[in-house]
Protein backbone atom coordinates (compact mmCIF):
# COMPACT_ATOMS: atom_id res chain seq x y z
CA ALA A 1 -3.73 -20.55 1.51
CA GLN A 2 -1.02 -22.35 -0.25
CA THR A 3 -3.39 -24.98 -1.68
CA ASP A 4 -5.57 -22.22 -3.33
CA ARG A 5 -2.56 -20.72 -4.73
CA ARG A 6 -1.32 -23.75 -6.35
CA ASP A 7 -4.88 -24.76 -7.97
CA ILE A 8 -5.08 -21.13 -9.20
CA ARG A 9 -1.66 -21.68 -10.87
CA LEU A 10 -2.63 -25.25 -12.03
CA GLU A 11 -5.91 -23.74 -13.53
CA ILE A 12 -3.80 -20.65 -15.00
CA ASP A 13 -1.44 -23.24 -16.75
CA VAL A 14 -4.59 -25.14 -18.04
CA VAL A 15 -6.20 -21.90 -19.54
CA ARG A 16 -2.77 -20.85 -21.10
CA GLY A 17 -2.60 -24.33 -22.54
CA HIS A 18 -6.07 -23.94 -24.16
CA MET A 19 -5.28 -20.48 -24.76
CA ILE A 20 -2.15 -21.55 -27.14
CA ALA A 21 -4.05 -24.59 -28.76
CA TYR A 22 -7.22 -21.87 -29.79
CA GLU A 23 -4.07 -19.75 -31.46
CA ILE A 24 -2.62 -22.61 -33.35
CA GLU A 25 -5.84 -23.54 -34.39
CA LEU A 26 -6.98 -19.87 -35.45
CA GLN A 27 -3.53 -20.02 -37.57
CA GLU A 28 -4.31 -23.31 -39.41
CA TYR A 29 -7.88 -21.56 -40.08
CA ARG A 30 -6.08 -18.41 -41.56
CA VAL A 31 -3.82 -20.78 -43.65
CA ALA A 32 -6.35 -22.44 -44.90
CA VAL A 33 -8.38 -19.75 -45.95
CA GLN A 34 -5.50 -18.03 -47.73
CA SER A 35 -5.04 -21.19 -49.83
CA VAL A 36 -8.82 -21.02 -50.96
CA GLU A 37 -8.19 -17.07 -51.57
CA ASP A 38 -5.24 -18.10 -53.66
CA LEU A 39 -6.94 -21.01 -55.37
CA ALA A 40 -10.12 -18.61 -56.15
CA VAL A 41 -7.58 -15.85 -57.65
CA THR A 42 -5.80 -18.71 -59.82
CA GLN A 43 -9.25 -20.05 -61.18
CA MET A 44 -10.21 -16.26 -61.78
CA MET A 45 -7.24 -15.73 -63.67
CA ARG A 46 -7.89 -18.88 -65.67
CA ILE A 47 -11.27 -17.90 -66.66
CA HIS A 48 -10.30 -14.55 -67.71
CA SER A 49 -7.88 -16.14 -70.08
CA LEU A 50 -10.36 -18.78 -71.51
CA LYS A 51 -12.32 -15.85 -72.01
CA ALA A 52 -9.91 -13.76 -73.81
CA ARG A 53 -8.77 -16.78 -76.27
CA ALA A 54 -12.28 -17.36 -76.80
CA GLN A 55 -13.05 -14.02 -77.42
CA THR A 56 -10.02 -14.23 -80.23
CA ASP A 57 -10.96 -17.17 -81.71
CA MET A 58 -14.17 -15.77 -82.46
CA VAL A 59 -12.57 -12.83 -84.12
CA GLU A 60 -10.55 -14.79 -86.38
CA ASP A 61 -13.56 -17.17 -87.26
CA ALA A 62 -15.19 -13.96 -88.39
CA ASP A 63 -12.56 -12.87 -90.20
CA SER A 64 -11.72 -16.06 -91.94
CA SER A 65 -15.65 -16.34 -92.81
CA CYS A 66 -15.40 -12.91 -94.67
């Protein structure tokens, strides 16, 4: 009975260790996903800015050709 309890406690400790490792890995994935999302937003803002600049250039070109 004593050995069974010790074995069960050891198994619980192993499972807890795995759980902690998985939680850490999950947090690392969340940080990576957030970084990718931040980069995507930054790139979309840059594209928007470039499109606006191109539109302004087109209007200026049209005005100067008149």
